[in-house]
Amino acid sequence: MKIERLIVAVAAVMLCTPAVSFEGGGVQARYQETVKSLPCHAPGQRIEGRAKLENPSDGNSVRALVDEILDYPHSFGEIPQVMNTIIKERLTKAEMNFKLGLSPGVEATDIVRIVNTLADKFQLPDYARTTPHQVEVLCFGAEISMPTFMGLPSAQPVDETARADSRKLSPAQATYLLLALINAKQLSPDYQLPPDEWEKTKFGPMMEKLTKYKELKESGQLSKLEAKVTLTSLSSQSTDLRTAVSHAISQMSLTDGLDLVDQAFAAVGIGK
């Protein structure tokens, strides 16, 4: 396996960078075909189903949840098997430790810090950077569609404001949000805006729409959450990001790459 591919795989999964592909539009095409072949929001339903069966003391049940999170269709395509295995084992252990009270949770600022640090390191365009509010919007949407998986733990006080901006996330929840943000940055023009512009034009309307949708759902006016998947060609921003990250990674040494991997694991509570 080439070192560039090794680093790209882990960076794409754990560092929340825009996707990197050395196969032109192949990754995007495979992602679209995967989504088309799945029942409407079936992957989210599978994650929610695994979360309902999760027992922190049972490694198999936790591993099943981790499998669903990392096997969820993503814009960057499949992860090389050797890295997939390593990531899943470390994430499973970290999730068990968190649920058993043996390790602290992850904050939105941890996710934002590693993403923006990498954007700075790779000298990516401003719209590659993220904010706590972007994580909060993705977290709120996931709470609505997957309340068992993304809902607040019983140990935390029930507070409508205690979303990803202030709550403690488990390593599995944080990883899911990282992957969701990868997809958003890669596929959604709504997230391909400079942070200041996004805060002014997108945050308020997005939260308002989600709040209204949640109210309708809880009132019984919506029998179930309906997901709409819009498949579009890569935007110019997406192409620029892929090119920039590909070039930056090609200049990295093995030591630099593995150091970034360890920083990313540490940021989401995954020890060695």
C-alpha atoms as a PDB file:
ATOM      1  CA  MET A   1       0.000   0.000   0.000  1.00  0.00           C
ATOM      2  CA  LYS A   2       1.410   3.414  -0.922  1.00  0.00           C
ATOM      3  CA  ILE A   3       2.040   5.742   1.988  1.00  0.00           C
ATOM      4  CA  GLU A   4      -0.048   8.429   0.304  1.00  0.00           C
ATOM      5  CA  ARG A   5      -3.072   6.129   0.281  1.00  0.00           C
ATOM      6  CA  LEU A   6      -2.483   5.098   3.888  1.00  0.00           C
ATOM      7  CA  ILE A   7      -2.420   8.679   5.106  1.00  0.00           C
ATOM      8  CA  VAL A   8      -5.334   9.721   2.924  1.00  0.00           C
ATOM      9  CA  ALA A   9      -7.515   6.926   4.280  1.00  0.00           C
ATOM     10  CA  VAL A  10      -7.055   7.866   7.917  1.00  0.00           C
ATOM     11  CA  ALA A  11      -7.042  11.603   7.290  1.00  0.00           C
ATOM     12  CA  ALA A  12     -10.320  11.346   5.397  1.00  0.00           C
ATOM     13  CA  VAL A  13     -11.963   9.312   8.139  1.00  0.00           C
ATOM     14  CA  MET A  14     -10.608  10.833  11.328  1.00  0.00           C
ATOM     15  CA  LEU A  15      -9.376  14.312  10.431  1.00  0.00           C
ATOM     16  CA  CYS A  16     -12.527  15.402   8.651  1.00  0.00           C
ATOM     17  CA  THR A  17     -10.762  16.637   5.550  1.00  0.00           C
ATOM     18  CA  PRO A  18     -12.444  16.910   2.190  1.00  0.00           C
ATOM     19  CA  ALA A  19     -12.219  13.642   0.318  1.00  0.00           C
ATOM     20  CA  VAL A  20      -9.129  12.838  -1.690  1.00  0.00           C
ATOM     21  CA  SER A  21      -9.290  10.623  -4.727  1.00  0.00           C
ATOM     22  CA  PHE A  22      -6.623   9.423  -7.065  1.00  0.00           C
ATOM     23  CA  GLU A  23      -9.218   7.961  -9.407  1.00  0.00           C
ATOM     24  CA  GLY A  24     -10.901  11.027 -10.853  1.00  0.00           C
ATOM     25  CA  GLY A  25     -14.673  10.901 -10.317  1.00  0.00           C
ATOM     26  CA  GLY A  26     -14.695   7.222  -9.407  1.00  0.00           C
ATOM     27  CA  VAL A  27     -15.198   7.745  -5.699  1.00  0.00           C
ATOM     28  CA  GLN A  28     -18.102  10.117  -6.277  1.00  0.00           C
ATOM     29  CA  ALA A  29     -19.724   7.699  -8.722  1.00  0.00           C
ATOM     30  CA  ARG A  30     -19.389   4.772  -6.300  1.00  0.00           C
ATOM     31  CA  TYR A  31     -20.833   6.876  -3.483  1.00  0.00           C
ATOM     32  CA  GLN A  32     -23.843   7.824  -5.582  1.00  0.00           C
ATOM     33  CA  GLU A  33     -24.451   4.248  -6.678  1.00  0.00           C
ATOM     34  CA  THR A  34     -24.213   3.054  -3.069  1.00  0.00           C
ATOM     35  CA  VAL A  35     -26.787   5.605  -1.910  1.00  0.00           C
ATOM     36  CA  LYS A  36     -29.098   4.782  -4.802  1.00  0.00           C
ATOM     37  CA  SER A  37     -29.046   1.087  -3.897  1.00  0.00           C
ATOM     38  CA  LEU A  38     -30.111   1.666  -0.282  1.00  0.00           C
ATOM     39  CA  PRO A  39     -33.635   2.105   1.086  1.00  0.00           C
ATOM     40  CA  CYS A  40     -34.405   5.663   2.165  1.00  0.00           C
ATOM     41  CA  HIS A  41     -32.198   6.560   5.166  1.00  0.00           C
ATOM     42  CA  ALA A  42     -31.633   2.836   5.851  1.00  0.00           C
ATOM     43  CA  PRO A  43     -28.026   3.393   7.023  1.00  0.00           C
ATOM     44  CA  GLY A  44     -29.234   5.771   9.725  1.00  0.00           C
ATOM     45  CA  GLN A  45     -31.870   3.281  10.763  1.00  0.00           C
ATOM     46  CA  ARG A  46     -29.219   0.580  11.054  1.00  0.00           C
ATOM     47  CA  ILE A  47     -27.037   2.784  13.251  1.00  0.00           C
ATOM     48  CA  GLU A  48     -30.032   3.568  15.442  1.00  0.00           C
ATOM     49  CA  GLY A  49     -30.908  -0.127  15.645  1.00  0.00           C
ATOM     50  CA  ARG A  50     -27.391  -1.050  16.729  1.00  0.00           C
ATOM     51  CA  ALA A  51     -27.409   1.748  19.315  1.00  0.00           C
ATOM     52  CA  LYS A  52     -30.556   0.283  20.876  1.00  0.00           C
ATOM     53  CA  LEU A  53     -28.779  -3.061  21.277  1.00  0.00           C
ATOM     54  CA  GLU A  54     -25.483  -1.637  22.509  1.00  0.00           C
ATOM     55  CA  ASN A  55     -24.173  -2.930  25.839  1.00  0.00           C
ATOM     56  CA  PRO A  56     -20.984  -1.124  26.948  1.00  0.00           C
ATOM     57  CA  SER A  57     -19.781  -4.295  28.651  1.00  0.00           C
ATOM     58  CA  ASP A  58     -20.246  -6.372  25.510  1.00  0.00           C
ATOM     59  CA  GLY A  59     -17.500  -5.711  23.001  1.00  0.00           C
ATOM     60  CA  ASN A  60     -19.412  -7.424  20.207  1.00  0.00           C
ATOM     61  CA  SER A  61     -22.411  -5.108  20.509  1.00  0.00           C
ATOM     62  CA  VAL A  62     -20.191  -2.025  20.588  1.00  0.00           C
ATOM     63  CA  ARG A  63     -18.204  -3.299  17.607  1.00  0.00           C
ATOM     64  CA  ALA A  64     -21.462  -3.825  15.694  1.00  0.00           C
ATOM     65  CA  LEU A  65     -22.352  -0.154  16.262  1.00  0.00           C
ATOM     66  CA  VAL A  66     -18.882   0.967  15.185  1.00  0.00           C
ATOM     67  CA  ASP A  67     -19.154  -1.188  12.055  1.00  0.00           C
ATOM     68  CA  GLU A  68     -22.385   0.547  11.057  1.00  0.00           C
ATOM     69  CA  ILE A  69     -20.900   4.009  11.603  1.00  0.00           C
ATOM     70  CA  LEU A  70     -17.794   3.366   9.521  1.00  0.00           C
ATOM     71  CA  ASP A  71     -19.650   1.351   6.875  1.00  0.00           C
ATOM     72  CA  TYR A  72     -22.205   4.155   6.350  1.00  0.00           C
ATOM     73  CA  PRO A  73     -21.970   5.403   2.730  1.00  0.00           C
ATOM     74  CA  HIS A  74     -19.443   8.224   2.514  1.00  0.00           C
ATOM     75  CA  SER A  75     -18.288  10.557  -0.207  1.00  0.00           C
ATOM     76  CA  PHE A  76     -14.692   9.385  -0.005  1.00  0.00           C
ATOM     77  CA  GLY A  77     -15.425   5.742  -0.832  1.00  0.00           C
ATOM     78  CA  GLU A  78     -14.067   2.656   0.880  1.00  0.00           C
ATOM     79  CA  ILE A  79     -11.263   2.681   3.433  1.00  0.00           C
ATOM     80  CA  PRO A  80      -8.393   0.224   2.810  1.00  0.00           C
ATOM     81  CA  GLN A  81      -9.106  -2.899   4.855  1.00  0.00           C
ATOM     82  CA  VAL A  82      -5.971  -2.761   6.991  1.00  0.00           C
ATOM     83  CA  MET A  83      -6.766   0.777   8.136  1.00  0.00           C
ATOM     84  CA  ASN A  84     -10.460  -0.012   8.532  1.00  0.00           C
ATOM     85  CA  THR A  85      -9.596  -2.802  10.972  1.00  0.00           C
ATOM     86  CA  ILE A  86      -7.239  -0.631  13.024  1.00  0.00           C
ATOM     87  CA  ILE A  87      -9.714   2.232  13.240  1.00  0.00           C
ATOM     88  CA  LYS A  88     -12.607  -0.017  14.240  1.00  0.00           C
ATOM     89  CA  GLU A  89     -10.636  -1.759  16.985  1.00  0.00           C
ATOM     90  CA  ARG A  90      -9.407   1.479  18.519  1.00  0.00           C
ATOM     91  CA  LEU A  91     -12.814   3.129  18.245  1.00  0.00           C
ATOM     92  CA  THR A  92     -14.567   0.142  19.835  1.00  0.00           C
ATOM     93  CA  LYS A  93     -12.196   0.212  22.807  1.00  0.00           C
ATOM     94  CA  ALA A  94     -12.586   3.978  23.209  1.00  0.00           C
ATOM     95  CA  GLU A  95     -16.389   3.776  23.060  1.00  0.00           C
ATOM     96  CA  MET A  96     -16.479   1.059  25.727  1.00  0.00           C
ATOM     97  CA  ASN A  97     -14.173   3.047  28.001  1.00  0.00           C
ATOM     98  CA  PHE A  98     -16.340   6.148  27.636  1.00  0.00           C
ATOM     99  CA  LYS A  99     -19.618   4.327  28.277  1.00  0.00           C
ATOM    100  CA  LEU A 100     -18.109   2.626  31.342  1.00  0.00           C
ATOM    101  CA  GLY A 101     -16.958   5.967  32.737  1.00  0.00           C
ATOM    102  CA  LEU A 102     -13.260   5.271  32.214  1.00  0.00           C
ATOM    103  CA  SER A 103     -12.540   8.153  29.844  1.00  0.00           C
ATOM    104  CA  PRO A 104     -13.878  11.663  29.194  1.00  0.00           C
ATOM    105  CA  GLY A 105     -16.094  12.572  26.295  1.00  0.00           C
ATOM    106  CA  VAL A 106     -15.384  14.614  23.195  1.00  0.00           C
ATOM    107  CA  GLU A 107     -16.427  18.241  22.715  1.00  0.00           C
ATOM    108  CA  ALA A 108     -17.377  20.006  19.510  1.00  0.00           C
ATOM    109  CA  THR A 109     -14.333  22.217  19.942  1.00  0.00           C
ATOM    110  CA  ASP A 110     -12.143  19.102  19.726  1.00  0.00           C
ATOM    111  CA  ILE A 111     -13.636  18.251  16.338  1.00  0.00           C
ATOM    112  CA  VAL A 112     -13.358  21.828  15.125  1.00  0.00           C
ATOM    113  CA  ARG A 113      -9.766  22.184  16.319  1.00  0.00           C
ATOM    114  CA  ILE A 114      -8.413  19.193  14.433  1.00  0.00           C
ATOM    115  CA  VAL A 115     -10.294  20.105  11.248  1.00  0.00           C
ATOM    116  CA  ASN A 116      -9.111  23.695  11.249  1.00  0.00           C
ATOM    117  CA  THR A 117      -5.569  22.752  12.227  1.00  0.00           C
ATOM    118  CA  LEU A 118      -5.401  20.473   9.218  1.00  0.00           C
ATOM    119  CA  ALA A 119      -6.933  23.149   6.975  1.00  0.00           C
ATOM    120  CA  ASP A 120      -4.219  25.544   8.103  1.00  0.00           C
ATOM    121  CA  LYS A 121      -1.462  22.964   7.689  1.00  0.00           C
ATOM    122  CA  PHE A 122      -2.568  22.111   4.168  1.00  0.00           C
ATOM    123  CA  GLN A 123      -3.302  25.772   3.317  1.00  0.00           C
ATOM    124  CA  LEU A 124      -6.830  24.924   2.199  1.00  0.00           C
ATOM    125  CA  PRO A 125      -9.380  27.535   1.111  1.00  0.00           C
ATOM    126  CA  ASP A 126     -11.267  29.304   3.895  1.00  0.00           C
ATOM    127  CA  TYR A 127     -14.462  27.387   3.165  1.00  0.00           C
ATOM    128  CA  ALA A 128     -12.732  24.144   4.186  1.00  0.00           C
ATOM    129  CA  ARG A 129     -12.720  25.376   7.786  1.00  0.00           C
ATOM    130  CA  THR A 130     -15.541  24.559  10.165  1.00  0.00           C
ATOM    131  CA  THR A 131     -17.215  26.001  13.273  1.00  0.00           C
ATOM    132  CA  PRO A 132     -18.840  24.594  16.428  1.00  0.00           C
ATOM    133  CA  HIS A 133     -22.197  25.668  15.003  1.00  0.00           C
ATOM    134  CA  GLN A 134     -21.717  23.487  11.919  1.00  0.00           C
ATOM    135  CA  VAL A 135     -21.131  20.523  14.209  1.00  0.00           C
ATOM    136  CA  GLU A 136     -24.171  21.586  16.249  1.00  0.00           C
ATOM    137  CA  VAL A 137     -26.458  21.625  13.199  1.00  0.00           C
ATOM    138  CA  LEU A 138     -25.318  18.153  12.149  1.00  0.00           C
ATOM    139  CA  CYS A 139     -25.701  16.904  15.716  1.00  0.00           C
ATOM    140  CA  PHE A 140     -29.232  18.298  16.039  1.00  0.00           C
ATOM    141  CA  GLY A 141     -30.288  16.669  12.778  1.00  0.00           C
ATOM    142  CA  ALA A 142     -28.863  13.352  13.950  1.00  0.00           C
ATOM    143  CA  GLU A 143     -30.690  13.672  17.286  1.00  0.00           C
ATOM    144  CA  ILE A 144     -33.975  13.900  15.394  1.00  0.00           C
ATOM    145  CA  SER A 145     -33.334  10.944  13.091  1.00  0.00           C
ATOM    146  CA  MET A 146     -31.402   8.772  15.580  1.00  0.00           C
ATOM    147  CA  PRO A 147     -32.546   9.695  19.114  1.00  0.00           C
ATOM    148  CA  THR A 148     -31.112   6.585  20.774  1.00  0.00           C
ATOM    149  CA  PHE A 149     -27.698   6.931  19.192  1.00  0.00           C
ATOM    150  CA  MET A 150     -27.329  10.719  19.279  1.00  0.00           C
ATOM    151  CA  GLY A 151     -29.642  11.637  22.154  1.00  0.00           C
ATOM    152  CA  LEU A 152     -28.228  12.893  25.445  1.00  0.00           C
ATOM    153  CA  PRO A 153     -27.095  10.136  27.845  1.00  0.00           C
ATOM    154  CA  SER A 154     -29.317   9.684  30.891  1.00  0.00           C
ATOM    155  CA  ALA A 155     -26.431  10.864  33.067  1.00  0.00           C
ATOM    156  CA  GLN A 156     -26.522  14.273  31.427  1.00  0.00           C
ATOM    157  CA  PRO A 157     -29.325  16.740  32.245  1.00  0.00           C
ATOM    158  CA  VAL A 158     -32.078  17.058  29.672  1.00  0.00           C
ATOM    159  CA  ASP A 159     -31.501  20.462  28.155  1.00  0.00           C
ATOM    160  CA  GLU A 160     -32.571  21.499  24.671  1.00  0.00           C
ATOM    161  CA  THR A 161     -29.465  23.702  24.438  1.00  0.00           C
ATOM    162  CA  ALA A 162     -27.091  20.874  25.348  1.00  0.00           C
ATOM    163  CA  ARG A 163     -26.187  19.853  21.844  1.00  0.00           C
ATOM    164  CA  ALA A 164     -22.744  19.422  20.353  1.00  0.00           C
ATOM    165  CA  ASP A 165     -21.698  22.942  21.335  1.00  0.00           C
ATOM    166  CA  SER A 166     -21.750  22.139  25.055  1.00  0.00           C
ATOM    167  CA  ARG A 167     -22.388  18.427  25.562  1.00  0.00           C
ATOM    168  CA  LYS A 168     -19.957  15.557  25.884  1.00  0.00           C
ATOM    169  CA  LEU A 169     -19.967  13.262  22.871  1.00  0.00           C
ATOM    170  CA  SER A 170     -18.909   9.650  22.904  1.00  0.00           C
ATOM    171  CA  PRO A 171     -16.044   8.668  20.550  1.00  0.00           C
ATOM    172  CA  ALA A 172     -18.573   6.918  18.302  1.00  0.00           C
ATOM    173  CA  GLN A 173     -20.845   9.973  18.186  1.00  0.00           C
ATOM    174  CA  ALA A 174     -17.881  12.249  17.484  1.00  0.00           C
ATOM    175  CA  THR A 175     -16.688   9.975  14.689  1.00  0.00           C
ATOM    176  CA  TYR A 176     -20.155   9.936  13.146  1.00  0.00           C
ATOM    177  CA  LEU A 177     -20.228  13.745  13.185  1.00  0.00           C
ATOM    178  CA  LEU A 178     -16.751  13.910  11.647  1.00  0.00           C
ATOM    179  CA  LEU A 179     -17.908  11.676   8.821  1.00  0.00           C
ATOM    180  CA  ALA A 180     -21.124  13.657   8.397  1.00  0.00           C
ATOM    181  CA  LEU A 181     -19.084  16.841   8.152  1.00  0.00           C
ATOM    182  CA  ILE A 182     -16.810  15.241   5.551  1.00  0.00           C
ATOM    183  CA  ASN A 183     -19.850  14.473   3.430  1.00  0.00           C
ATOM    184  CA  ALA A 184     -21.280  17.957   3.940  1.00  0.00           C
ATOM    185  CA  LYS A 185     -18.036  19.673   2.995  1.00  0.00           C
ATOM    186  CA  GLN A 186     -17.629  17.408  -0.002  1.00  0.00           C
ATOM    187  CA  LEU A 187     -21.180  17.377  -1.354  1.00  0.00           C
ATOM    188  CA  SER A 188     -23.214  20.283   0.005  1.00  0.00           C
ATOM    189  CA  PRO A 189     -22.799  23.883  -1.251  1.00  0.00           C
ATOM    190  CA  ASP A 190     -24.481  24.941   2.007  1.00  0.00           C
ATOM    191  CA  TYR A 191     -21.290  23.953   3.850  1.00  0.00           C
ATOM    192  CA  GLN A 192     -18.835  25.236   1.233  1.00  0.00           C
ATOM    193  CA  LEU A 193     -18.844  28.775   2.577  1.00  0.00           C
ATOM    194  CA  PRO A 194     -16.276  30.737   4.615  1.00  0.00           C
ATOM    195  CA  PRO A 195     -17.061  30.368   8.340  1.00  0.00           C
ATOM    196  CA  ASP A 196     -18.153  33.986   8.841  1.00  0.00           C
ATOM    197  CA  GLU A 197     -20.491  33.886   5.859  1.00  0.00           C
ATOM    198  CA  TRP A 198     -21.929  30.529   6.934  1.00  0.00           C
ATOM    199  CA  GLU A 199     -22.595  31.829  10.456  1.00  0.00           C
ATOM    200  CA  LYS A 200     -24.438  34.869   9.106  1.00  0.00           C
ATOM    201  CA  THR A 201     -26.477  33.198   6.364  1.00  0.00           C
ATOM    202  CA  LYS A 202     -26.913  29.512   7.207  1.00  0.00           C
ATOM    203  CA  PHE A 203     -26.785  28.775  10.928  1.00  0.00           C
ATOM    204  CA  GLY A 204     -29.989  30.506  12.013  1.00  0.00           C
ATOM    205  CA  PRO A 205     -32.205  29.268   9.148  1.00  0.00           C
ATOM    206  CA  MET A 206     -30.879  25.703   9.432  1.00  0.00           C
ATOM    207  CA  MET A 207     -31.538  25.519  13.168  1.00  0.00           C
ATOM    208  CA  GLU A 208     -34.985  27.057  12.725  1.00  0.00           C
ATOM    209  CA  LYS A 209     -35.950  24.482  10.103  1.00  0.00           C
ATOM    210  CA  LEU A 210     -34.679  21.613  12.247  1.00  0.00           C
ATOM    211  CA  THR A 211     -36.512  22.925  15.317  1.00  0.00           C
ATOM    212  CA  LYS A 212     -39.804  23.165  13.422  1.00  0.00           C
ATOM    213  CA  TYR A 213     -39.304  19.711  11.956  1.00  0.00           C
ATOM    214  CA  LYS A 214     -38.609  18.266  15.399  1.00  0.00           C
ATOM    215  CA  GLU A 215     -41.779  19.867  16.772  1.00  0.00           C
ATOM    216  CA  LEU A 216     -43.868  18.432  13.931  1.00  0.00           C
ATOM    217  CA  LYS A 217     -42.349  14.999  14.402  1.00  0.00           C
ATOM    218  CA  GLU A 218     -42.899  14.961  18.169  1.00  0.00           C
ATOM    219  CA  SER A 219     -46.483  16.191  17.779  1.00  0.00           C
ATOM    220  CA  GLY A 220     -47.296  13.214  15.591  1.00  0.00           C
ATOM    221  CA  GLN A 221     -47.865  15.287  12.471  1.00  0.00           C
ATOM    222  CA  LEU A 222     -44.999  13.444  10.871  1.00  0.00           C
ATOM    223  CA  SER A 223     -45.133   9.669  11.103  1.00  0.00           C
ATOM    224  CA  LYS A 224     -41.415   9.375  10.423  1.00  0.00           C
ATOM    225  CA  LEU A 225     -38.448  11.457   9.441  1.00  0.00           C
ATOM    226  CA  GLU A 226     -38.216  11.695   5.687  1.00  0.00           C
ATOM    227  CA  ALA A 227     -34.751  12.030   4.219  1.00  0.00           C
ATOM    228  CA  LYS A 228     -34.104  13.487   0.819  1.00  0.00           C
ATOM    229  CA  VAL A 229     -30.825  12.631  -0.875  1.00  0.00           C
ATOM    230  CA  THR A 230     -29.787  15.002  -3.626  1.00  0.00           C
ATOM    231  CA  LEU A 231     -27.078  13.665  -5.890  1.00  0.00           C
ATOM    232  CA  THR A 232     -25.151  16.339  -7.731  1.00  0.00           C
ATOM    233  CA  SER A 233     -21.914  16.674  -9.608  1.00  0.00           C
ATOM    234  CA  LEU A 234     -18.889  17.856  -7.662  1.00  0.00           C
ATOM    235  CA  SER A 235     -18.835  21.637  -7.310  1.00  0.00           C
ATOM    236  CA  SER A 236     -15.787  23.671  -8.230  1.00  0.00           C
ATOM    237  CA  GLN A 237     -15.113  24.078  -4.495  1.00  0.00           C
ATOM    238  CA  SER A 238     -15.123  20.313  -4.020  1.00  0.00           C
ATOM    239  CA  THR A 239     -12.712  19.821  -6.895  1.00  0.00           C
ATOM    240  CA  ASP A 240     -10.401  22.537  -5.583  1.00  0.00           C
ATOM    241  CA  LEU A 241     -10.369  20.968  -2.110  1.00  0.00           C
ATOM    242  CA  ARG A 242      -9.606  17.512  -3.453  1.00  0.00           C
ATOM    243  CA  THR A 243      -6.723  18.889  -5.506  1.00  0.00           C
ATOM    244  CA  ALA A 244      -5.291  20.925  -2.623  1.00  0.00           C
ATOM    245  CA  VAL A 245      -5.410  18.061  -0.119  1.00  0.00           C
ATOM    246  CA  SER A 246      -4.002  15.586  -2.638  1.00  0.00           C
ATOM    247  CA  HIS A 247      -1.032  17.858  -3.305  1.00  0.00           C
ATOM    248  CA  ALA A 248      -0.404  18.535   0.404  1.00  0.00           C
ATOM    249  CA  ILE A 249      -0.518  14.870   1.357  1.00  0.00           C
ATOM    250  CA  SER A 250       1.840  13.910  -1.450  1.00  0.00           C
ATOM    251  CA  GLN A 251       4.441  16.182   0.186  1.00  0.00           C
ATOM    252  CA  MET A 252       4.117  14.590   3.628  1.00  0.00           C
ATOM    253  CA  SER A 253       6.540  12.105   5.150  1.00  0.00           C
ATOM    254  CA  LEU A 254       5.437   8.883   6.823  1.00  0.00           C
ATOM    255  CA  THR A 255       6.315  10.354  10.218  1.00  0.00           C
ATOM    256  CA  ASP A 256       4.219  13.463   9.570  1.00  0.00           C
ATOM    257  CA  GLY A 257       1.291  11.390   8.388  1.00  0.00           C
ATOM    258  CA  LEU A 258       1.283   9.026  11.344  1.00  0.00           C
ATOM    259  CA  ASP A 259       1.633  11.975  13.722  1.00  0.00           C
ATOM    260  CA  LEU A 260      -1.510  13.523  12.223  1.00  0.00           C
ATOM    261  CA  VAL A 261      -3.314  10.205  12.573  1.00  0.00           C
ATOM    262  CA  ASP A 262      -2.453   9.982  16.268  1.00  0.00           C
ATOM    263  CA  GLN A 263      -3.544  13.592  16.812  1.00  0.00           C
ATOM    264  CA  ALA A 264      -6.874  12.830  15.194  1.00  0.00           C
ATOM    265  CA  PHE A 265      -7.428   9.687  17.242  1.00  0.00           C
ATOM    266  CA  ALA A 266      -6.555  11.595  20.415  1.00  0.00           C
ATOM    267  CA  ALA A 267      -8.991  14.376  19.513  1.00  0.00           C
ATOM    268  CA  VAL A 268     -11.914  11.957  19.496  1.00  0.00           C
ATOM    269  CA  GLY A 269     -10.804  10.039  22.573  1.00  0.00           C
ATOM    270  CA  ILE A 270      -9.149   7.086  20.892  1.00  0.00           C
ATOM    271  CA  GLY A 271      -5.977   5.909  22.609  1.00  0.00           C
ATOM    272  CA  LYS A 272      -3.290   3.681  21.214  1.00  0.00           C
END
